[in-house]
Every structure is written in structure tokens, then in C-alpha cells.
N, C-alpha and C. Protein backbone atom coordinates (compact mmCIF):
# COMPACT_ATOMS: atom_id res chain seq x y z
N MET A 1 10.97 154.44 74.25
CA MET A 1 10.48 154.34 72.90
C MET A 1 10.57 152.88 72.49
N SER A 2 9.54 152.40 71.84
CA SER A 2 9.52 151.01 71.45
C SER A 2 9.16 150.88 69.98
N TYR A 3 10.16 150.66 69.17
CA TYR A 3 9.95 150.39 67.75
C TYR A 3 10.43 148.98 67.47
N ARG A 4 9.83 148.37 66.48
CA ARG A 4 10.37 147.09 66.03
C ARG A 4 11.66 147.38 65.28
N SER A 5 12.60 146.48 65.33
CA SER A 5 13.88 146.72 64.67
C SER A 5 13.71 146.91 63.17
N SER A 6 12.69 146.34 62.58
CA SER A 6 12.48 146.52 61.14
C SER A 6 12.09 147.96 60.81
N GLN A 7 11.56 148.70 61.77
CA GLN A 7 11.17 150.08 61.51
C GLN A 7 12.35 151.04 61.55
N HIS A 8 13.42 150.69 62.23
CA HIS A 8 14.59 151.55 62.28
C HIS A 8 15.21 151.73 60.90
N TRP A 9 15.11 150.72 60.08
CA TRP A 9 15.72 150.77 58.76
C TRP A 9 15.10 151.85 57.89
N TYR A 10 13.84 152.17 58.09
CA TYR A 10 13.22 153.23 57.30
C TYR A 10 13.87 154.59 57.59
N ILE A 11 14.20 154.82 58.83
CA ILE A 11 14.87 156.07 59.19
C ILE A 11 16.27 156.10 58.58
N ILE A 12 16.96 154.98 58.61
CA ILE A 12 18.29 154.91 58.01
C ILE A 12 18.22 155.10 56.50
N ILE A 13 17.20 154.55 55.87
CA ILE A 13 17.02 154.72 54.43
C ILE A 13 16.78 156.19 54.10
N VAL A 14 15.97 156.87 54.90
CA VAL A 14 15.72 158.30 54.68
C VAL A 14 17.03 159.09 54.82
N TYR A 15 17.80 158.78 55.85
CA TYR A 15 19.10 159.45 56.04
C TYR A 15 20.01 159.22 54.84
N ALA A 16 20.17 157.97 54.44
CA ALA A 16 21.10 157.64 53.34
C ALA A 16 20.64 158.24 52.02
N SER A 17 19.35 158.23 51.77
CA SER A 17 18.82 158.83 50.54
C SER A 17 19.05 160.33 50.52
N THR A 18 18.80 160.98 51.64
CA THR A 18 19.03 162.42 51.73
C THR A 18 20.50 162.73 51.54
N ASP A 19 21.36 161.95 52.16
CA ASP A 19 22.80 162.14 52.03
C ASP A 19 23.23 162.01 50.57
N ALA A 20 22.74 161.01 49.88
CA ALA A 20 23.11 160.79 48.48
C ALA A 20 22.60 161.92 47.58
N ILE A 21 21.37 162.30 47.75
CA ILE A 21 20.78 163.34 46.91
C ILE A 21 21.49 164.68 47.12
N PHE A 22 21.72 165.04 48.37
CA PHE A 22 22.35 166.32 48.64
C PHE A 22 23.86 166.30 48.39
N SER A 23 24.49 165.15 48.40
CA SER A 23 25.89 165.07 47.98
C SER A 23 26.01 165.53 46.53
N PHE A 24 25.06 165.16 45.73
CA PHE A 24 25.02 165.59 44.33
C PHE A 24 24.65 167.07 44.22
N LEU A 25 23.61 167.48 44.94
CA LEU A 25 23.09 168.84 44.80
C LEU A 25 24.00 169.92 45.37
N PHE A 26 24.75 169.63 46.41
CA PHE A 26 25.54 170.68 47.04
C PHE A 26 26.67 171.20 46.16
N GLY A 27 27.15 170.42 45.22
CA GLY A 27 28.13 170.94 44.26
C GLY A 27 27.52 172.06 43.44
N TRP A 28 26.29 171.86 43.01
CA TRP A 28 25.57 172.87 42.23
C TRP A 28 25.21 174.07 43.10
N ILE A 29 24.72 173.81 44.30
CA ILE A 29 24.32 174.88 45.22
C ILE A 29 25.53 175.72 45.62
N LEU A 30 26.66 175.07 45.88
CA LEU A 30 27.86 175.76 46.30
C LEU A 30 28.33 176.76 45.25
N LYS A 31 28.20 176.42 43.99
CA LYS A 31 28.61 177.33 42.91
C LYS A 31 27.76 178.59 42.89
N ARG A 32 26.54 178.51 43.38
CA ARG A 32 25.63 179.64 43.34
C ARG A 32 25.66 180.52 44.60
N ILE A 33 25.86 179.92 45.76
CA ILE A 33 25.81 180.73 46.98
C ILE A 33 27.14 180.77 47.73
N GLY A 34 28.10 179.94 47.37
CA GLY A 34 29.41 179.98 48.00
C GLY A 34 29.59 178.94 49.10
N ARG A 35 30.83 178.80 49.53
CA ARG A 35 31.18 177.78 50.52
C ARG A 35 30.70 178.13 51.93
N ILE A 36 30.87 179.38 52.33
CA ILE A 36 30.57 179.75 53.72
C ILE A 36 29.12 179.47 54.08
N PRO A 37 28.13 179.87 53.26
CA PRO A 37 26.75 179.55 53.63
C PRO A 37 26.46 178.04 53.67
N VAL A 38 27.08 177.29 52.78
CA VAL A 38 26.84 175.84 52.75
C VAL A 38 27.45 175.17 53.99
N PHE A 39 28.69 175.52 54.32
CA PHE A 39 29.32 174.96 55.51
C PHE A 39 28.60 175.40 56.79
N THR A 40 28.16 176.64 56.83
CA THR A 40 27.43 177.14 58.00
C THR A 40 26.11 176.39 58.17
N MET A 41 25.40 176.19 57.08
CA MET A 41 24.13 175.45 57.13
C MET A 41 24.36 174.03 57.66
N ALA A 42 25.40 173.36 57.16
CA ALA A 42 25.68 172.00 57.61
C ALA A 42 26.01 171.98 59.10
N ALA A 43 26.81 172.93 59.55
CA ALA A 43 27.18 172.99 60.96
C ALA A 43 25.95 173.25 61.84
N VAL A 44 25.09 174.15 61.40
CA VAL A 44 23.87 174.46 62.17
C VAL A 44 22.96 173.23 62.23
N PHE A 45 22.75 172.56 61.10
CA PHE A 45 21.90 171.36 61.09
C PHE A 45 22.45 170.29 62.03
N ASN A 46 23.76 170.00 61.91
CA ASN A 46 24.34 168.96 62.75
C ASN A 46 24.31 169.33 64.23
N MET A 47 24.65 170.56 64.54
CA MET A 47 24.65 170.99 65.94
C MET A 47 23.23 170.96 66.51
N ALA A 48 22.25 171.40 65.74
CA ALA A 48 20.86 171.39 66.22
C ALA A 48 20.39 169.97 66.51
N VAL A 49 20.66 169.05 65.60
CA VAL A 49 20.24 167.67 65.80
C VAL A 49 20.93 167.08 67.03
N MET A 50 22.23 167.32 67.18
CA MET A 50 22.95 166.78 68.34
C MET A 50 22.40 167.32 69.65
N LEU A 51 22.18 168.62 69.72
CA LEU A 51 21.68 169.22 70.96
C LEU A 51 20.26 168.76 71.27
N ILE A 52 19.42 168.65 70.25
CA ILE A 52 18.05 168.17 70.47
C ILE A 52 18.07 166.73 70.99
N LEU A 53 18.85 165.88 70.35
CA LEU A 53 18.89 164.48 70.76
C LEU A 53 19.52 164.28 72.14
N LEU A 54 20.38 165.21 72.55
CA LEU A 54 20.95 165.13 73.90
C LEU A 54 19.92 165.42 74.98
N HIS A 55 18.95 166.27 74.68
CA HIS A 55 18.01 166.73 75.71
C HIS A 55 16.58 166.25 75.49
N TRP A 56 16.38 165.28 74.63
CA TRP A 56 15.04 164.87 74.26
C TRP A 56 14.92 163.36 74.36
N THR A 57 13.84 162.90 74.92
CA THR A 57 13.57 161.47 74.98
C THR A 57 12.38 161.20 74.06
N PRO A 58 12.63 160.57 72.91
CA PRO A 58 11.54 160.35 71.96
C PRO A 58 10.55 159.30 72.45
N THR A 59 9.32 159.45 71.99
CA THR A 59 8.28 158.46 72.23
C THR A 59 7.76 158.01 70.87
N VAL A 60 6.88 157.05 70.87
CA VAL A 60 6.32 156.56 69.61
C VAL A 60 5.59 157.68 68.88
N ALA A 61 5.00 158.61 69.61
CA ALA A 61 4.28 159.72 68.99
C ALA A 61 5.22 160.69 68.26
N HIS A 62 6.50 160.64 68.58
CA HIS A 62 7.47 161.55 67.98
C HIS A 62 8.15 160.97 66.73
N LYS A 63 7.64 159.89 66.22
CA LYS A 63 8.28 159.22 65.09
C LYS A 63 8.56 160.14 63.90
N PRO A 64 7.65 161.05 63.51
CA PRO A 64 7.96 161.94 62.38
C PRO A 64 9.19 162.81 62.61
N TYR A 65 9.45 163.18 63.87
CA TYR A 65 10.63 163.99 64.16
C TYR A 65 11.92 163.21 63.90
N LEU A 66 11.89 161.92 64.11
CA LEU A 66 13.07 161.10 63.83
C LEU A 66 13.41 161.13 62.35
N TYR A 67 12.38 161.14 61.50
CA TYR A 67 12.62 161.26 60.06
C TYR A 67 13.17 162.65 59.73
N LEU A 68 12.64 163.68 60.36
CA LEU A 68 13.14 165.04 60.14
C LEU A 68 14.61 165.14 60.55
N PHE A 69 14.96 164.57 61.70
CA PHE A 69 16.35 164.60 62.15
C PHE A 69 17.25 163.81 61.20
N ALA A 70 16.76 162.71 60.66
CA ALA A 70 17.53 161.93 59.68
C ALA A 70 17.78 162.76 58.42
N ILE A 71 16.78 163.52 58.00
CA ILE A 71 16.95 164.38 56.82
C ILE A 71 17.97 165.48 57.10
N LEU A 72 17.85 166.15 58.23
CA LEU A 72 18.78 167.22 58.56
C LEU A 72 20.21 166.69 58.70
N TRP A 73 20.35 165.52 59.35
CA TRP A 73 21.68 164.94 59.52
C TRP A 73 22.25 164.53 58.16
N GLY A 74 21.42 163.99 57.29
CA GLY A 74 21.86 163.61 55.95
C GLY A 74 22.32 164.81 55.13
N MET A 75 21.60 165.93 55.27
CA MET A 75 22.01 167.14 54.55
C MET A 75 23.35 167.64 55.06
N GLY A 76 23.53 167.66 56.37
CA GLY A 76 24.81 168.09 56.93
C GLY A 76 25.94 167.15 56.54
N ASP A 77 25.69 165.86 56.62
CA ASP A 77 26.72 164.89 56.29
C ASP A 77 27.11 164.96 54.82
N ALA A 78 26.17 165.28 53.96
CA ALA A 78 26.48 165.41 52.53
C ALA A 78 27.52 166.50 52.30
N VAL A 79 27.44 167.57 53.05
CA VAL A 79 28.45 168.63 52.93
C VAL A 79 29.80 168.13 53.40
N TRP A 80 29.83 167.50 54.58
CA TRP A 80 31.12 167.06 55.12
C TRP A 80 31.76 166.00 54.25
N GLN A 81 30.97 165.10 53.68
CA GLN A 81 31.53 164.00 52.89
C GLN A 81 32.00 164.42 51.51
N THR A 82 31.44 165.48 50.96
CA THR A 82 31.81 165.87 49.60
C THR A 82 32.57 167.18 49.53
N GLN A 83 32.09 168.19 50.21
CA GLN A 83 32.65 169.51 50.03
C GLN A 83 33.96 169.73 50.79
N ILE A 84 34.19 168.97 51.85
CA ILE A 84 35.49 169.08 52.53
C ILE A 84 36.61 168.62 51.59
N ASN A 85 36.38 167.53 50.87
CA ASN A 85 37.39 167.06 49.91
C ASN A 85 37.63 168.09 48.82
N ALA A 86 36.56 168.67 48.30
CA ALA A 86 36.71 169.70 47.27
C ALA A 86 37.44 170.92 47.82
N PHE A 87 37.15 171.28 49.07
CA PHE A 87 37.79 172.43 49.70
C PHE A 87 39.29 172.21 49.86
N TYR A 88 39.70 171.01 50.23
CA TYR A 88 41.13 170.72 50.34
C TYR A 88 41.82 170.84 48.99
N GLY A 89 41.14 170.46 47.93
CA GLY A 89 41.71 170.63 46.60
C GLY A 89 41.91 172.09 46.24
N VAL A 90 41.05 172.95 46.75
CA VAL A 90 41.13 174.39 46.47
C VAL A 90 42.22 175.06 47.31
N ILE A 91 42.29 174.73 48.59
CA ILE A 91 43.25 175.45 49.46
C ILE A 91 44.67 174.89 49.38
N PHE A 92 44.85 173.71 48.78
CA PHE A 92 46.18 173.15 48.61
C PHE A 92 46.44 172.84 47.13
N PRO A 93 46.42 173.85 46.26
CA PRO A 93 46.64 173.59 44.84
C PRO A 93 48.06 173.07 44.59
N GLY A 94 48.14 172.02 43.81
CA GLY A 94 49.43 171.41 43.51
C GLY A 94 49.92 170.47 44.60
N GLN A 95 49.25 170.44 45.74
CA GLN A 95 49.64 169.56 46.85
C GLN A 95 48.45 168.73 47.30
N GLU A 96 47.61 168.34 46.35
CA GLU A 96 46.40 167.62 46.71
C GLU A 96 46.69 166.28 47.36
N GLU A 97 47.68 165.56 46.87
CA GLU A 97 47.97 164.23 47.41
C GLU A 97 48.36 164.27 48.88
N PRO A 98 49.31 165.11 49.30
CA PRO A 98 49.61 165.17 50.74
C PRO A 98 48.43 165.71 51.56
N ALA A 99 47.67 166.63 50.99
CA ALA A 99 46.52 167.18 51.72
C ALA A 99 45.48 166.10 51.99
N PHE A 100 45.14 165.34 50.96
CA PHE A 100 44.15 164.27 51.14
C PHE A 100 44.68 163.16 52.05
N SER A 101 45.96 162.86 51.93
CA SER A 101 46.57 161.83 52.79
C SER A 101 46.50 162.25 54.25
N ASN A 102 46.83 163.51 54.50
CA ASN A 102 46.78 164.02 55.87
C ASN A 102 45.35 164.01 56.40
N TYR A 103 44.40 164.40 55.58
CA TYR A 103 42.98 164.38 55.97
C TYR A 103 42.55 162.97 56.34
N ARG A 104 42.88 162.01 55.50
CA ARG A 104 42.50 160.61 55.76
C ARG A 104 43.19 160.05 56.99
N LEU A 105 44.44 160.44 57.22
CA LEU A 105 45.15 159.99 58.41
C LEU A 105 44.41 160.43 59.67
N TRP A 106 44.09 161.72 59.77
CA TRP A 106 43.42 162.23 60.97
C TRP A 106 42.00 161.70 61.09
N GLU A 107 41.33 161.51 59.97
CA GLU A 107 39.99 160.91 60.00
C GLU A 107 40.07 159.48 60.55
N SER A 108 41.06 158.72 60.08
CA SER A 108 41.22 157.34 60.55
C SER A 108 41.60 157.28 62.02
N LEU A 109 42.43 158.20 62.47
CA LEU A 109 42.77 158.24 63.89
C LEU A 109 41.55 158.59 64.74
N GLY A 110 40.69 159.44 64.23
CA GLY A 110 39.45 159.75 64.93
C GLY A 110 38.56 158.53 65.04
N PHE A 111 38.44 157.76 63.95
CA PHE A 111 37.67 156.52 64.00
C PHE A 111 38.26 155.55 65.01
N LEU A 112 39.59 155.42 64.99
CA LEU A 112 40.27 154.52 65.92
C LEU A 112 39.98 154.92 67.38
N ALA A 113 40.10 156.19 67.68
CA ALA A 113 39.83 156.65 69.04
C ALA A 113 38.39 156.35 69.44
N SER A 114 37.48 156.56 68.52
CA SER A 114 36.07 156.29 68.78
C SER A 114 35.84 154.81 69.07
N TYR A 115 36.45 153.95 68.28
CA TYR A 115 36.28 152.51 68.49
C TYR A 115 36.94 152.02 69.78
N LEU A 116 38.08 152.62 70.11
CA LEU A 116 38.79 152.20 71.32
C LEU A 116 38.02 152.54 72.60
N ILE A 117 37.39 153.69 72.63
CA ILE A 117 36.66 154.07 73.84
C ILE A 117 35.17 153.74 73.75
N GLY A 118 34.74 153.22 72.61
CA GLY A 118 33.32 153.00 72.36
C GLY A 118 32.62 152.06 73.32
N ASN A 119 33.25 150.98 73.69
CA ASN A 119 32.60 150.00 74.56
C ASN A 119 32.45 150.50 75.99
N ASN A 120 33.24 151.48 76.38
CA ASN A 120 33.23 151.94 77.75
C ASN A 120 32.63 153.34 77.90
N THR A 121 31.98 153.84 76.87
CA THR A 121 31.49 155.21 76.90
C THR A 121 30.01 155.24 76.53
N GLN A 122 29.25 156.03 77.25
CA GLN A 122 27.83 156.19 76.95
C GLN A 122 27.66 157.06 75.72
N LEU A 123 26.54 156.88 75.03
CA LEU A 123 26.26 157.65 73.83
C LEU A 123 26.22 159.15 74.12
N SER A 124 25.68 159.54 75.26
CA SER A 124 25.61 160.97 75.58
C SER A 124 27.00 161.59 75.70
N VAL A 125 27.98 160.83 76.17
CA VAL A 125 29.34 161.34 76.26
C VAL A 125 29.89 161.57 74.86
N PHE A 126 29.65 160.64 73.95
CA PHE A 126 30.06 160.82 72.55
C PHE A 126 29.42 162.07 71.95
N MET A 127 28.14 162.25 72.23
CA MET A 127 27.43 163.41 71.68
C MET A 127 28.05 164.71 72.20
N TRP A 128 28.38 164.76 73.49
CA TRP A 128 28.99 165.98 74.04
C TRP A 128 30.37 166.21 73.44
N ILE A 129 31.11 165.14 73.20
CA ILE A 129 32.43 165.29 72.54
C ILE A 129 32.23 165.90 71.17
N LEU A 130 31.24 165.44 70.43
CA LEU A 130 30.96 166.02 69.10
C LEU A 130 30.56 167.48 69.18
N VAL A 131 29.73 167.83 70.15
CA VAL A 131 29.28 169.21 70.29
C VAL A 131 30.44 170.12 70.64
N VAL A 132 31.29 169.69 71.56
CA VAL A 132 32.40 170.53 72.00
C VAL A 132 33.51 170.58 70.96
N TRP A 133 33.79 169.46 70.33
CA TRP A 133 34.89 169.38 69.37
C TRP A 133 34.59 170.26 68.21
């Protein structure tokens, strides 16, 4: 696939815009349909995008699909970035501070592990770790 580097930013903008819009909307949606359907939808979207990208080699003709995948990934990420924090507040009433601290600790350790092995690991290996984890 051959895109100019200036064209990649449009896909990132679509992802970030979708993430921002749905971060706002999922609070409203969650009140109407519940946590389980919202979390399930996010997991399905993320898993589908990961599995497709693992087994697919895009070409220039597939450019619209890249935007679709950015939208789906943004919708899934909006749930993980906003609703996980809200969920911890619900399941640990009165203990929000240790719950959030513990969440951030493990999140940071995950980032650290990713950065430590990042230079020596292919992207497909990272994708399989995400799928299995």
C-alpha cells in the first residue's frame, strides 16, 4: 500500500473524532441499554478490527475500509477510555481512590512492557497478544 504520509492523518483524525464523539455519547447510551451490551459491542468491534488487520493486506483501492476500521476502533476505544473508569466507581463504592490507583498502575505497567519489547517485536506479534489477552 502506498499512501503519502499526509494522507495518514485523515484516518487518525477520523479515529480521534469518533473516539471523542462516542466518549460523550456512550454515557447516555449506557443509561438506556446497560453496561453489558455496550462493553460487548466494544469488544466485538475491537476484536473484529484486530482479526481483519491481521489477515488482510490493504491496497490503495481499500482506502474506505481504513476509515471504517478507524471508526470502529474509535467507538470501541471510547468505551474503554470512559466507561471502565465509571465501572470502577460503581463496583468499588467508597474505595474509588485505591481502585483508580490500581487501575492506573496496571495500565502503566502494560505500557512499560509494550515499550520495552516494542523495538524487537513485529506488529503482528503485538496484535496476537491483544487478541489472546
